Each structure stands twice: as structure tokens, then as C-alpha cells.
């Protein structure tokens, strides 16, 4: 699970960087600016979901259920 969460977090980070580049490259065009802004917001929300899923998995899988293989 940690590998999958790490890869998905890395992809979310790359999307944030790419959408930031699109914001700067939009040159004030309202449609391009709005599309880049929407993509940036979606990438940040996705990263927040990834972080919360890791926290919930840690709490439920390790602390409450004590599933082998989920701990350090």
C-alpha cells in the first residue's frame, strides 16, 4: 500500500506542478486560465484525499485491527 500511495502522491504532485505551469503559460486567456485553475484545485483535492486515506489506513489497519503487514 505504501508504494501505491507514494506513486499516487507523486503523480498528484506532478499534476500540481504542471497545472501551475499552465497557469503561467495561459497568458491571461480566461478559458485557459480557468482550465488550469480547475486542474490545480482538482490535483490539490486529490492529494488531500491521498493523505487522508493514508491516515485512515494507518488508524484502522494498524492501530485498531492490527493487520499484519500494515505496520512499520
PDB file of N, CA and C in Angstrom:
ATOM      1  N   UNK A   1       0.812  -1.195   0.000  1.00  0.00           N
ATOM      2  CA  UNK A   1       0.000   0.000   0.000  1.00  0.00           C
ATOM      3  C   UNK A   1       0.859   1.264   0.000  1.00  0.00           C
ATOM      4  N   UNK A   2       1.970   1.200   0.665  1.00  0.00           N
ATOM      5  CA  UNK A   2       2.808   2.402   0.731  1.00  0.00           C
ATOM      6  C   UNK A   2       3.382   2.751  -0.629  1.00  0.00           C
ATOM      7  N   UNK A   3       3.665   1.742  -1.455  1.00  0.00           N
ATOM      8  CA  UNK A   3       4.193   2.022  -2.794  1.00  0.00           C
ATOM      9  C   UNK A   3       3.118   2.684  -3.653  1.00  0.00           C
ATOM     10  N   UNK A   4       1.901   2.154  -3.588  1.00  0.00           N
ATOM     11  CA  UNK A   4       0.799   2.714  -4.371  1.00  0.00           C
ATOM     12  C   UNK A   4       0.497   4.140  -3.920  1.00  0.00           C
ATOM     13  N   UNK A   5       0.478   4.364  -2.615  1.00  0.00           N
ATOM     14  CA  UNK A   5       0.215   5.713  -2.109  1.00  0.00           C
ATOM     15  C   UNK A   5       1.350   6.664  -2.460  1.00  0.00           C
ATOM     16  N   UNK A   6       2.573   6.169  -2.451  1.00  0.00           N
ATOM     17  CA  UNK A   6       3.708   7.014  -2.824  1.00  0.00           C
ATOM     18  C   UNK A   6       3.670   7.415  -4.291  1.00  0.00           C
ATOM     19  N   UNK A   7       3.352   6.460  -5.154  1.00  0.00           N
ATOM     20  CA  UNK A   7       3.268   6.752  -6.586  1.00  0.00           C
ATOM     21  C   UNK A   7       2.116   7.711  -6.865  1.00  0.00           C
ATOM     22  N   UNK A   8       0.965   7.469  -6.252  1.00  0.00           N
ATOM     23  CA  UNK A   8      -0.177   8.355  -6.494  1.00  0.00           C
ATOM     24  C   UNK A   8       0.080   9.753  -5.929  1.00  0.00           C
ATOM     25  N   UNK A   9       0.760   9.846  -4.812  1.00  0.00           N
ATOM     26  CA  UNK A   9       1.133  11.156  -4.281  1.00  0.00           C
ATOM     27  C   UNK A   9       2.112  11.876  -5.195  1.00  0.00           C
ATOM     28  N   UNK A  10       3.043  11.127  -5.755  1.00  0.00           N
ATOM     29  CA  UNK A  10       3.985  11.715  -6.707  1.00  0.00           C
ATOM     30  C   UNK A  10       3.291  12.210  -7.964  1.00  0.00           C
ATOM     31  N   UNK A  11       2.319  11.436  -8.451  1.00  0.00           N
ATOM     32  CA  UNK A  11       1.557  11.867  -9.624  1.00  0.00           C
ATOM     33  C   UNK A  11       0.731  13.115  -9.330  1.00  0.00           C
ATOM     34  N   UNK A  12       0.160  13.174  -8.142  1.00  0.00           N
ATOM     35  CA  UNK A  12      -0.599  14.363  -7.757  1.00  0.00           C
ATOM     36  C   UNK A  12       0.323  15.575  -7.686  1.00  0.00           C
ATOM     37  N   UNK A  13       1.514  15.390  -7.171  1.00  0.00           N
ATOM     38  CA  UNK A  13       2.479  16.486  -7.103  1.00  0.00           C
ATOM     39  C   UNK A  13       2.887  16.949  -8.500  1.00  0.00           C
ATOM     40  N   UNK A  14       3.095  15.993  -9.414  1.00  0.00           N
ATOM     41  CA  UNK A  14       3.429  16.356 -10.791  1.00  0.00           C
ATOM     42  C   UNK A  14       2.278  17.112 -11.460  1.00  0.00           C
ATOM     43  N   UNK A  15       1.039  16.710 -11.165  1.00  0.00           N
ATOM     44  CA  UNK A  15      -0.115  17.424 -11.709  1.00  0.00           C
ATOM     45  C   UNK A  15      -0.193  18.849 -11.170  1.00  0.00           C
ATOM     46  N   UNK A  16       0.150  19.024  -9.910  1.00  0.00           N
ATOM     47  CA  UNK A  16       0.156  20.365  -9.326  1.00  0.00           C
ATOM     48  C   UNK A  16       1.202  21.240 -10.013  1.00  0.00           C
ATOM     49  N   UNK A  17       2.369  20.686 -10.242  1.00  0.00           N
ATOM     50  CA  UNK A  17       3.431  21.436 -10.918  1.00  0.00           C
ATOM     51  C   UNK A  17       3.027  21.766 -12.350  1.00  0.00           C
ATOM     52  N   UNK A  18       2.446  20.791 -13.056  1.00  0.00           N
ATOM     53  CA  UNK A  18       2.034  21.006 -14.441  1.00  0.00           C
ATOM     54  C   UNK A  18       0.923  22.045 -14.541  1.00  0.00           C
ATOM     55  N   UNK A  19      -0.038  21.983 -13.659  1.00  0.00           N
ATOM     56  CA  UNK A  19      -1.118  22.971 -13.713  1.00  0.00           C
ATOM     57  C   UNK A  19      -0.620  24.357 -13.318  1.00  0.00           C
ATOM     58  N   UNK A  20       0.371  24.428 -12.442  1.00  0.00           N
ATOM     59  CA  UNK A  20       0.996  25.719 -12.138  1.00  0.00           C
ATOM     60  C   UNK A  20       1.688  26.299 -13.354  1.00  0.00           C
ATOM     61  N   UNK A  21       2.341  25.427 -14.122  1.00  0.00           N
ATOM     62  CA  UNK A  21       2.961  25.884 -15.366  1.00  0.00           C
ATOM     63  C   UNK A  21       1.896  26.367 -16.343  1.00  0.00           C
ATOM     64  N   UNK A  22       0.774  25.645 -16.422  1.00  0.00           N
ATOM     65  CA  UNK A  22      -0.310  26.069 -17.318  1.00  0.00           C
ATOM     66  C   UNK A  22      -0.885  27.417 -16.888  1.00  0.00           C
ATOM     67  N   UNK A  23      -0.930  27.670 -15.590  1.00  0.00           N
ATOM     68  CA  UNK A  23      -1.402  28.971 -15.113  1.00  0.00           C
ATOM     69  C   UNK A  23      -0.515  30.101 -15.626  1.00  0.00           C
ATOM     70  N   UNK A  24       0.800  29.888 -15.561  1.00  0.00           N
ATOM     71  CA  UNK A  24       1.721  30.923 -16.022  1.00  0.00           C
ATOM     72  C   UNK A  24       1.717  31.048 -17.541  1.00  0.00           C
ATOM     73  N   UNK A  25       1.492  29.930 -18.234  1.00  0.00           N
ATOM     74  CA  UNK A  25       1.540  29.937 -19.695  1.00  0.00           C
ATOM     75  C   UNK A  25       0.211  30.323 -20.327  1.00  0.00           C
ATOM     76  N   UNK A  26      -0.824  30.569 -19.546  1.00  0.00           N
ATOM     77  CA  UNK A  26      -2.138  30.884 -20.110  1.00  0.00           C
ATOM     78  C   UNK A  26      -2.191  32.280 -20.725  1.00  0.00           C
ATOM     79  N   UNK A  27      -1.270  33.131 -20.364  1.00  0.00           N
ATOM     80  CA  UNK A  27      -1.145  34.480 -20.925  1.00  0.00           C
ATOM     81  C   UNK A  27      -2.415  35.306 -20.775  1.00  0.00           C
ATOM     82  N   UNK A  28      -3.144  35.071 -19.702  1.00  0.00           N
ATOM     83  CA  UNK A  28      -4.322  35.881 -19.431  1.00  0.00           C
ATOM     84  C   UNK A  28      -5.559  35.492 -20.208  1.00  0.00           C
ATOM     85  N   UNK A  29      -5.506  34.411 -20.978  1.00  0.00           N
ATOM     86  CA  UNK A  29      -6.681  33.945 -21.707  1.00  0.00           C
ATOM     87  C   UNK A  29      -7.642  33.336 -20.688  1.00  0.00           C
ATOM     88  N   UNK A  30      -8.852  33.880 -20.577  1.00  0.00           N
ATOM     89  CA  UNK A  30      -9.754  33.442 -19.499  1.00  0.00           C
ATOM     90  C   UNK A  30     -10.081  31.953 -19.510  1.00  0.00           C
ATOM     91  N   UNK A  31     -10.281  31.368 -20.704  1.00  0.00           N
ATOM     92  CA  UNK A  31     -10.617  29.946 -20.769  1.00  0.00           C
ATOM     93  C   UNK A  31      -9.451  29.075 -20.310  1.00  0.00           C
ATOM     94  N   UNK A  32      -8.266  29.411 -20.778  1.00  0.00           N
ATOM     95  CA  UNK A  32      -7.083  28.637 -20.393  1.00  0.00           C
ATOM     96  C   UNK A  32      -6.773  28.834 -18.912  1.00  0.00           C
ATOM     97  N   UNK A  33      -6.964  30.046 -18.439  1.00  0.00           N
ATOM     98  CA  UNK A  33      -6.719  30.338 -17.028  1.00  0.00           C
ATOM     99  C   UNK A  33      -7.673  29.558 -16.131  1.00  0.00           C
ATOM    100  N   UNK A  34      -8.949  29.509 -16.506  1.00  0.00           N
ATOM    101  CA  UNK A  34      -9.932  28.770 -15.719  1.00  0.00           C
ATOM    102  C   UNK A  34      -9.667  27.267 -15.768  1.00  0.00           C
ATOM    103  N   UNK A  35      -9.269  26.736 -16.918  1.00  0.00           N
ATOM    104  CA  UNK A  35      -8.973  25.305 -17.034  1.00  0.00           C
ATOM    105  C   UNK A  35      -7.770  24.931 -16.170  1.00  0.00           C
ATOM    106  N   UNK A  36      -6.743  25.751 -16.178  1.00  0.00           N
ATOM    107  CA  UNK A  36      -5.563  25.488 -15.355  1.00  0.00           C
ATOM    108  C   UNK A  36      -5.898  25.596 -13.872  1.00  0.00           C
ATOM    109  N   UNK A  37      -6.722  26.565 -13.519  1.00  0.00           N
ATOM    110  CA  UNK A  37      -7.131  26.734 -12.121  1.00  0.00           C
ATOM    111  C   UNK A  37      -7.952  25.533 -11.647  1.00  0.00           C
ATOM    112  N   UNK A  38      -8.868  25.054 -12.508  1.00  0.00           N
ATOM    113  CA  UNK A  38      -9.671  23.884 -12.159  1.00  0.00           C
ATOM    114  C   UNK A  38      -8.807  22.636 -11.978  1.00  0.00           C
ATOM    115  N   UNK A  39      -7.815  22.480 -12.857  1.00  0.00           N
ATOM    116  CA  UNK A  39      -6.924  21.329 -12.747  1.00  0.00           C
ATOM    117  C   UNK A  39      -6.079  21.421 -11.476  1.00  0.00           C
ATOM    118  N   UNK A  40      -5.639  22.609 -11.119  1.00  0.00           N
ATOM    119  CA  UNK A  40      -4.857  22.792  -9.904  1.00  0.00           C
ATOM    120  C   UNK A  40      -5.684  22.454  -8.667  1.00  0.00           C
ATOM    121  N   UNK A  41      -6.913  22.912  -8.638  1.00  0.00           N
ATOM    122  CA  UNK A  41      -7.788  22.615  -7.499  1.00  0.00           C
ATOM    123  C   UNK A  41      -8.058  21.117  -7.402  1.00  0.00           C
ATOM    124  N   UNK A  42      -8.306  20.468  -8.542  1.00  0.00           N
ATOM    125  CA  UNK A  42      -8.554  19.027  -8.539  1.00  0.00           C
ATOM    126  C   UNK A  42      -7.323  18.252  -8.074  1.00  0.00           C
ATOM    127  N   UNK A  43      -6.138  18.679  -8.468  1.00  0.00           N
ATOM    128  CA  UNK A  43      -4.915  17.991  -8.059  1.00  0.00           C
ATOM    129  C   UNK A  43      -4.670  18.153  -6.559  1.00  0.00           C
ATOM    130  N   UNK A  44      -4.937  19.330  -6.027  1.00  0.00           N
ATOM    131  CA  UNK A  44      -4.758  19.562  -4.590  1.00  0.00           C
ATOM    132  C   UNK A  44      -5.763  18.739  -3.794  1.00  0.00           C
ATOM    133  N   UNK A  45      -7.015  18.697  -4.249  1.00  0.00           N
ATOM    134  CA  UNK A  45      -8.021  17.890  -3.564  1.00  0.00           C
ATOM    135  C   UNK A  45      -7.647  16.415  -3.627  1.00  0.00           C
ATOM    136  N   UNK A  46      -7.148  15.957  -4.756  1.00  0.00           N
ATOM    137  CA  UNK A  46      -6.697  14.569  -4.873  1.00  0.00           C
ATOM    138  C   UNK A  46      -5.559  14.262  -3.918  1.00  0.00           C
ATOM    139  N   UNK A  47      -4.618  15.176  -3.782  1.00  0.00           N
ATOM    140  CA  UNK A  47      -3.508  14.974  -2.853  1.00  0.00           C
ATOM    141  C   UNK A  47      -3.999  14.928  -1.413  1.00  0.00           C
ATOM    142  N   UNK A  48      -4.972  15.765  -1.078  1.00  0.00           N
ATOM    143  CA  UNK A  48      -5.551  15.744   0.270  1.00  0.00           C
ATOM    144  C   UNK A  48      -6.242  14.404   0.523  1.00  0.00           C
ATOM    145  N   UNK A  49      -6.976  13.895  -0.476  1.00  0.00           N
ATOM    146  CA  UNK A  49      -7.619  12.583  -0.326  1.00  0.00           C
ATOM    147  C   UNK A  49      -6.592  11.476  -0.135  1.00  0.00           C
ATOM    148  N   UNK A  50      -5.485  11.545  -0.835  1.00  0.00           N
ATOM    149  CA  UNK A  50      -4.430  10.536  -0.687  1.00  0.00           C
ATOM    150  C   UNK A  50      -3.856  10.583   0.724  1.00  0.00           C
ATOM    151  N   UNK A  51      -3.611  11.772   1.236  1.00  0.00           N
ATOM    152  CA  UNK A  51      -3.065  11.906   2.586  1.00  0.00           C
ATOM    153  C   UNK A  51      -4.042  11.386   3.627  1.00  0.00           C
ATOM    154  N   UNK A  52      -5.329  11.761   3.485  1.00  0.00           N
ATOM    155  CA  UNK A  52      -6.331  11.279   4.439  1.00  0.00           C
ATOM    156  C   UNK A  52      -6.520   9.771   4.357  1.00  0.00           C
ATOM    157  N   UNK A  53      -6.426   9.195   3.151  1.00  0.00           N
ATOM    158  CA  UNK A  53      -6.564   7.744   3.039  1.00  0.00           C
ATOM    159  C   UNK A  53      -5.407   7.040   3.727  1.00  0.00           C
ATOM    160  N   UNK A  54      -4.215   7.597   3.652  1.00  0.00           N
ATOM    161  CA  UNK A  54      -3.075   7.017   4.352  1.00  0.00           C
ATOM    162  C   UNK A  54      -3.274   7.088   5.861  1.00  0.00           C
ATOM    163  N   UNK A  55      -3.780   8.206   6.350  1.00  0.00           N
ATOM    164  CA  UNK A  55      -4.026   8.356   7.781  1.00  0.00           C
ATOM    165  C   UNK A  55      -5.111   7.384   8.250  1.00  0.00           C
ATOM    166  N   UNK A  56      -6.202   7.282   7.492  1.00  0.00           N
ATOM    167  CA  UNK A  56      -7.283   6.370   7.867  1.00  0.00           C
ATOM    168  C   UNK A  56      -6.808   4.922   7.816  1.00  0.00           C
ATOM    169  N   UNK A  57      -6.033   4.566   6.795  1.00  0.00           N
ATOM    170  CA  UNK A  57      -5.488   3.214   6.701  1.00  0.00           C
ATOM    171  C   UNK A  57      -4.576   2.913   7.875  1.00  0.00           C
ATOM    172  N   UNK A  58      -3.794   3.870   8.286  1.00  0.00           N
ATOM    173  CA  UNK A  58      -2.904   3.694   9.433  1.00  0.00           C
ATOM    174  C   UNK A  58      -3.710   3.510  10.712  1.00  0.00           C
ATOM    175  N   UNK A  59      -4.735   4.328  10.908  1.00  0.00           N
ATOM    176  CA  UNK A  59      -5.530   4.240  12.135  1.00  0.00           C
ATOM    177  C   UNK A  59      -6.304   2.934  12.198  1.00  0.00           C
ATOM    178  N   UNK A  60      -7.013   2.609  11.124  1.00  0.00           N
ATOM    179  CA  UNK A  60      -7.862   1.417  11.147  1.00  0.00           C
ATOM    180  C   UNK A  60      -7.032   0.142  11.011  1.00  0.00           C
ATOM    181  N   UNK A  61      -6.136   0.107  10.027  1.00  0.00           N
ATOM    182  CA  UNK A  61      -5.394  -1.120   9.742  1.00  0.00           C
ATOM    183  C   UNK A  61      -4.360  -1.481  10.789  1.00  0.00           C
ATOM    184  N   UNK A  62      -3.683  -0.508  11.324  1.00  0.00           N
ATOM    185  CA  UNK A  62      -2.583  -0.782  12.244  1.00  0.00           C
ATOM    186  C   UNK A  62      -3.015  -0.636  13.702  1.00  0.00           C
ATOM    187  N   UNK A  63      -3.612   0.488  14.039  1.00  0.00           N
ATOM    188  CA  UNK A  63      -3.912   0.773  15.437  1.00  0.00           C
ATOM    189  C   UNK A  63      -5.125   0.000  15.956  1.00  0.00           C
ATOM    190  N   UNK A  64      -6.187  -0.104  15.155  1.00  0.00           N
ATOM    191  CA  UNK A  64      -7.410  -0.739  15.648  1.00  0.00           C
ATOM    192  C   UNK A  64      -7.418  -2.235  15.360  1.00  0.00           C
ATOM    193  N   UNK A  65      -7.246  -2.620  14.085  1.00  0.00           N
ATOM    194  CA  UNK A  65      -7.365  -4.028  13.702  1.00  0.00           C
ATOM    195  C   UNK A  65      -6.062  -4.815  13.825  1.00  0.00           C
ATOM    196  N   UNK A  66      -4.948  -4.138  13.885  1.00  0.00           N
ATOM    197  CA  UNK A  66      -3.616  -4.743  13.984  1.00  0.00           C
ATOM    198  C   UNK A  66      -3.387  -5.783  12.886  1.00  0.00           C
ATOM    199  N   UNK A  67      -3.632  -5.390  11.641  1.00  0.00           N
ATOM    200  CA  UNK A  67      -3.453  -6.283  10.490  1.00  0.00           C
ATOM    201  C   UNK A  67      -1.955  -6.437  10.245  1.00  0.00           C
ATOM    202  N   UNK A  68      -1.468  -7.681  10.146  1.00  0.00           N
ATOM    203  CA  UNK A  68      -0.044  -7.882   9.878  1.00  0.00           C
ATOM    204  C   UNK A  68       0.345  -7.364   8.489  1.00  0.00           C
ATOM    205  N   UNK A  69       1.494  -6.766   8.399  1.00  0.00           N
ATOM    206  CA  UNK A  69       1.986  -6.247   7.141  1.00  0.00           C
ATOM    207  C   UNK A  69       1.666  -4.773   6.919  1.00  0.00           C
ATOM    208  N   UNK A  70       0.818  -4.189   7.719  1.00  0.00           N
ATOM    209  CA  UNK A  70       0.484  -2.776   7.563  1.00  0.00           C
ATOM    210  C   UNK A  70       1.378  -1.900   8.420  1.00  0.00           C
ATOM    211  N   UNK A  71       2.009  -2.449   9.411  1.00  0.00           N
ATOM    212  CA  UNK A  71       2.824  -1.652  10.317  1.00  0.00           C
ATOM    213  C   UNK A  71       4.205  -1.404   9.750  1.00  0.00           C
ATOM    214  N   UNK A  72       5.010  -0.735  10.533  1.00  0.00           N
ATOM    215  CA  UNK A  72       6.392  -0.444  10.121  1.00  0.00           C
ATOM    216  C   UNK A  72       7.191  -1.644  10.259  1.00  0.00           C
TER     217      UNK A  72
END
